[in-house]
Structure formats: structure tokens, C-alpha cells
Amino acid sequence: MAMQSPAFSFEIKKLLGVISKGSGGWTKELNLVSWNGKEAKFDIRDWDPDHERMTKGVTLSAKELIALRDLLNSLEIEE
């Protein structure tokens, strides 16, 4: 799915998973996204149901995602 706005373009190359679902059908997702035609990176952000609108998010290289995974695995998280 490729989209373009006046400021930037993006293409969701692969939906890797839904982290959570919010009201109105928005979902927080981990996707592989190409921004402005560049190499796809891992991306975490909220998307509307049609993947046309989004919130600000975090984009990570594979190396950064591995570092985040390792950091999360080392934490003792209480729910």
C-alpha cells in the first residue's frame, strides 16, 4: 500500500503485527515501512483503519530494533 502527501510518501511493505487496538478502529502496529522511497525500516505508530492517517511514531533500523529487543528482554516489567 503506497501513499503520498505533499510533505512525504510512504509504503507499508509488511505488517509485522498489531500491538494494541484503540477506539475508532486505530491500531498501534509494528510495520516495515519505506519512507520517501528509501530502504524500508521498522516502524511503530498508530494507524487509522485504512492506513491513510497516522500519528507520530518511532522508526528503527534493524540494528536499533535488535538493541531495543535486547533491552526489553533484560527488563523486569510488572503489569
N, C-alpha and C. Protein backbone atom coordinates (compact mmCIF):
# COMPACT_ATOMS: atom_id res chain seq x y z
N MET A 1 0.84 -1.16 0.00
CA MET A 1 0.00 0.00 0.00
C MET A 1 0.89 1.24 0.00
N ALA A 2 0.89 2.01 -1.05
CA ALA A 2 1.71 3.22 -1.16
C ALA A 2 0.82 4.45 -1.08
N MET A 3 1.27 5.43 -0.32
CA MET A 3 0.53 6.68 -0.17
C MET A 3 1.50 7.84 -0.32
N GLN A 4 0.97 8.99 -0.72
CA GLN A 4 1.81 10.17 -0.87
C GLN A 4 1.05 11.39 -0.37
N SER A 5 1.75 12.25 0.34
CA SER A 5 1.19 13.53 0.77
C SER A 5 2.11 14.61 0.22
N PRO A 6 1.74 15.88 0.37
CA PRO A 6 2.63 16.93 -0.13
C PRO A 6 4.01 16.91 0.53
N ALA A 7 4.10 16.45 1.78
CA ALA A 7 5.37 16.50 2.52
C ALA A 7 6.20 15.23 2.40
N PHE A 8 5.55 14.09 2.21
CA PHE A 8 6.28 12.82 2.21
C PHE A 8 5.45 11.73 1.56
N SER A 9 6.11 10.62 1.26
CA SER A 9 5.41 9.44 0.76
C SER A 9 5.82 8.25 1.62
N PHE A 10 4.96 7.25 1.65
CA PHE A 10 5.28 6.04 2.41
C PHE A 10 4.65 4.83 1.76
N GLU A 11 5.25 3.70 2.00
CA GLU A 11 4.69 2.43 1.55
C GLU A 11 4.90 1.41 2.66
N ILE A 12 3.79 0.84 3.14
CA ILE A 12 3.88 -0.22 4.14
C ILE A 12 4.24 -1.49 3.38
N LYS A 13 5.46 -1.95 3.56
CA LYS A 13 5.94 -3.14 2.85
C LYS A 13 5.39 -4.41 3.48
N LYS A 14 5.28 -4.39 4.84
CA LYS A 14 4.81 -5.59 5.52
C LYS A 14 4.27 -5.23 6.89
N LEU A 15 3.06 -5.70 7.21
CA LEU A 15 2.50 -5.57 8.55
C LEU A 15 3.09 -6.71 9.38
N LEU A 16 3.88 -6.35 10.39
CA LEU A 16 4.53 -7.37 11.22
C LEU A 16 3.68 -7.76 12.42
N GLY A 17 2.83 -6.84 12.88
CA GLY A 17 1.95 -7.19 13.98
C GLY A 17 1.23 -6.00 14.56
N VAL A 18 0.07 -6.27 15.18
CA VAL A 18 -0.71 -5.25 15.87
C VAL A 18 -0.37 -5.35 17.35
N ILE A 19 0.05 -4.22 17.93
CA ILE A 19 0.42 -4.17 19.34
C ILE A 19 -0.81 -3.94 20.21
N SER A 20 -1.69 -3.04 19.77
CA SER A 20 -2.93 -2.77 20.51
C SER A 20 -3.95 -2.15 19.57
N LYS A 21 -5.22 -2.21 20.02
CA LYS A 21 -6.32 -1.60 19.27
C LYS A 21 -6.95 -0.54 20.13
N GLY A 22 -7.23 0.63 19.52
CA GLY A 22 -7.84 1.73 20.25
C GLY A 22 -9.25 1.98 19.77
N SER A 23 -9.86 3.02 20.33
CA SER A 23 -11.21 3.37 19.92
C SER A 23 -11.18 3.92 18.50
N GLY A 24 -12.27 3.75 17.82
CA GLY A 24 -12.37 4.27 16.46
C GLY A 24 -11.64 3.43 15.42
N GLY A 25 -11.15 2.26 15.82
CA GLY A 25 -10.51 1.36 14.87
C GLY A 25 -9.02 1.60 14.66
N TRP A 26 -8.43 2.60 15.32
CA TRP A 26 -7.00 2.85 15.19
C TRP A 26 -6.22 1.72 15.85
N THR A 27 -5.08 1.37 15.27
CA THR A 27 -4.25 0.30 15.82
C THR A 27 -2.79 0.76 15.93
N LYS A 28 -2.15 0.35 17.01
CA LYS A 28 -0.71 0.57 17.15
C LYS A 28 -0.04 -0.65 16.55
N GLU A 29 0.82 -0.42 15.55
CA GLU A 29 1.38 -1.53 14.77
C GLU A 29 2.90 -1.45 14.66
N LEU A 30 3.47 -2.62 14.46
CA LEU A 30 4.87 -2.73 14.04
C LEU A 30 4.83 -3.11 12.58
N ASN A 31 5.37 -2.23 11.73
CA ASN A 31 5.37 -2.45 10.29
C ASN A 31 6.77 -2.25 9.73
N LEU A 32 6.98 -2.77 8.54
CA LEU A 32 8.16 -2.47 7.75
C LEU A 32 7.71 -1.42 6.74
N VAL A 33 8.25 -0.18 6.85
CA VAL A 33 7.76 0.94 6.05
C VAL A 33 8.90 1.60 5.29
N SER A 34 8.65 1.91 4.02
CA SER A 34 9.57 2.70 3.22
C SER A 34 9.06 4.13 3.22
N TRP A 35 9.89 5.07 3.69
CA TRP A 35 9.54 6.49 3.72
C TRP A 35 10.26 7.20 2.59
N ASN A 36 9.52 7.93 1.78
CA ASN A 36 10.08 8.71 0.66
C ASN A 36 10.92 7.87 -0.29
N GLY A 37 10.51 6.63 -0.51
CA GLY A 37 11.19 5.76 -1.47
C GLY A 37 12.51 5.18 -0.97
N LYS A 38 12.84 5.40 0.30
CA LYS A 38 14.10 4.88 0.84
C LYS A 38 13.92 3.44 1.33
N GLU A 39 15.04 2.85 1.75
CA GLU A 39 15.02 1.48 2.26
C GLU A 39 14.04 1.38 3.42
N ALA A 40 13.26 0.30 3.43
CA ALA A 40 12.25 0.10 4.48
C ALA A 40 12.91 -0.08 5.83
N LYS A 41 12.26 0.49 6.87
CA LYS A 41 12.72 0.36 8.25
C LYS A 41 11.56 -0.09 9.11
N PHE A 42 11.89 -0.55 10.30
CA PHE A 42 10.87 -0.97 11.25
C PHE A 42 10.23 0.28 11.85
N ASP A 43 8.91 0.25 11.99
CA ASP A 43 8.17 1.44 12.36
C ASP A 43 7.06 1.09 13.34
N ILE A 44 6.98 1.85 14.45
CA ILE A 44 5.93 1.66 15.44
C ILE A 44 5.13 2.96 15.51
N ARG A 45 3.82 2.88 15.24
CA ARG A 45 2.95 4.06 15.34
C ARG A 45 1.50 3.61 15.24
N ASP A 46 0.58 4.53 15.54
CA ASP A 46 -0.86 4.29 15.40
C ASP A 46 -1.29 4.63 13.98
N TRP A 47 -2.18 3.79 13.45
CA TRP A 47 -2.72 3.97 12.10
C TRP A 47 -4.24 3.93 12.15
N ASP A 48 -4.86 4.70 11.26
CA ASP A 48 -6.31 4.61 11.13
C ASP A 48 -6.65 3.31 10.40
N PRO A 49 -7.93 2.90 10.39
CA PRO A 49 -8.29 1.61 9.79
C PRO A 49 -7.89 1.46 8.32
N ASP A 50 -7.81 2.57 7.57
CA ASP A 50 -7.48 2.49 6.14
C ASP A 50 -6.00 2.72 5.86
N HIS A 51 -5.21 2.91 6.91
CA HIS A 51 -3.77 3.19 6.77
C HIS A 51 -3.50 4.42 5.91
N GLU A 52 -4.38 5.41 6.03
CA GLU A 52 -4.19 6.67 5.32
C GLU A 52 -3.70 7.78 6.26
N ARG A 53 -4.09 7.69 7.54
CA ARG A 53 -3.66 8.67 8.53
C ARG A 53 -2.89 7.95 9.64
N MET A 54 -1.97 8.68 10.24
CA MET A 54 -1.12 8.08 11.26
C MET A 54 -0.76 9.11 12.31
N THR A 55 -0.28 8.63 13.45
CA THR A 55 0.26 9.52 14.47
C THR A 55 1.78 9.54 14.31
N LYS A 56 2.42 10.39 15.11
CA LYS A 56 3.88 10.35 15.15
C LYS A 56 4.30 9.00 15.70
N GLY A 57 5.46 8.53 15.27
CA GLY A 57 5.90 7.22 15.71
C GLY A 57 7.41 7.16 15.83
N VAL A 58 7.89 5.94 15.89
CA VAL A 58 9.32 5.67 16.02
C VAL A 58 9.74 4.77 14.87
N THR A 59 10.79 5.16 14.15
CA THR A 59 11.32 4.37 13.05
C THR A 59 12.70 3.88 13.45
N LEU A 60 12.94 2.58 13.27
CA LEU A 60 14.18 1.95 13.72
C LEU A 60 14.82 1.14 12.61
N SER A 61 16.14 1.17 12.56
CA SER A 61 16.88 0.27 11.67
C SER A 61 16.85 -1.13 12.29
N ALA A 62 17.29 -2.12 11.56
CA ALA A 62 17.34 -3.49 12.09
C ALA A 62 18.25 -3.54 13.32
N LYS A 63 19.38 -2.85 13.27
CA LYS A 63 20.32 -2.83 14.40
C LYS A 63 19.66 -2.19 15.64
N GLU A 64 18.92 -1.11 15.44
CA GLU A 64 18.24 -0.45 16.55
C GLU A 64 17.13 -1.33 17.12
N LEU A 65 16.41 -2.04 16.24
CA LEU A 65 15.34 -2.93 16.70
C LEU A 65 15.92 -4.06 17.54
N ILE A 66 17.05 -4.60 17.13
CA ILE A 66 17.71 -5.66 17.89
C ILE A 66 18.13 -5.13 19.27
N ALA A 67 18.68 -3.91 19.30
CA ALA A 67 19.09 -3.31 20.57
C ALA A 67 17.87 -3.10 21.48
N LEU A 68 16.75 -2.66 20.90
CA LEU A 68 15.52 -2.47 21.68
C LEU A 68 15.02 -3.80 22.20
N ARG A 69 15.02 -4.83 21.37
CA ARG A 69 14.60 -6.17 21.81
C ARG A 69 15.45 -6.64 22.98
N ASP A 70 16.77 -6.49 22.86
CA ASP A 70 17.66 -6.93 23.93
C ASP A 70 17.41 -6.15 25.21
N LEU A 71 17.19 -4.85 25.08
CA LEU A 71 16.89 -4.02 26.25
C LEU A 71 15.60 -4.46 26.91
N LEU A 72 14.55 -4.67 26.12
CA LEU A 72 13.27 -5.11 26.67
C LEU A 72 13.38 -6.48 27.33
N ASN A 73 14.15 -7.38 26.73
CA ASN A 73 14.32 -8.71 27.32
C ASN A 73 15.06 -8.66 28.65
N SER A 74 15.86 -7.63 28.88
CA SER A 74 16.61 -7.52 30.13
C SER A 74 15.81 -6.87 31.26
N LEU A 75 14.67 -6.28 30.94
CA LEU A 75 13.86 -5.59 31.93
C LEU A 75 12.94 -6.55 32.68
N GLU A 76 12.73 -6.25 33.95
CA GLU A 76 11.70 -6.95 34.70
C GLU A 76 10.50 -6.02 34.76
N ILE A 77 9.48 -6.34 33.99
CA ILE A 77 8.31 -5.46 33.83
C ILE A 77 7.16 -6.02 34.64
N GLU A 78 6.58 -5.15 35.47
CA GLU A 78 5.38 -5.53 36.25
C GLU A 78 4.17 -4.91 35.58
N GLU A 79 3.13 -5.67 35.47
CA GLU A 79 1.91 -5.18 34.83
C GLU A 79 0.93 -4.69 35.86
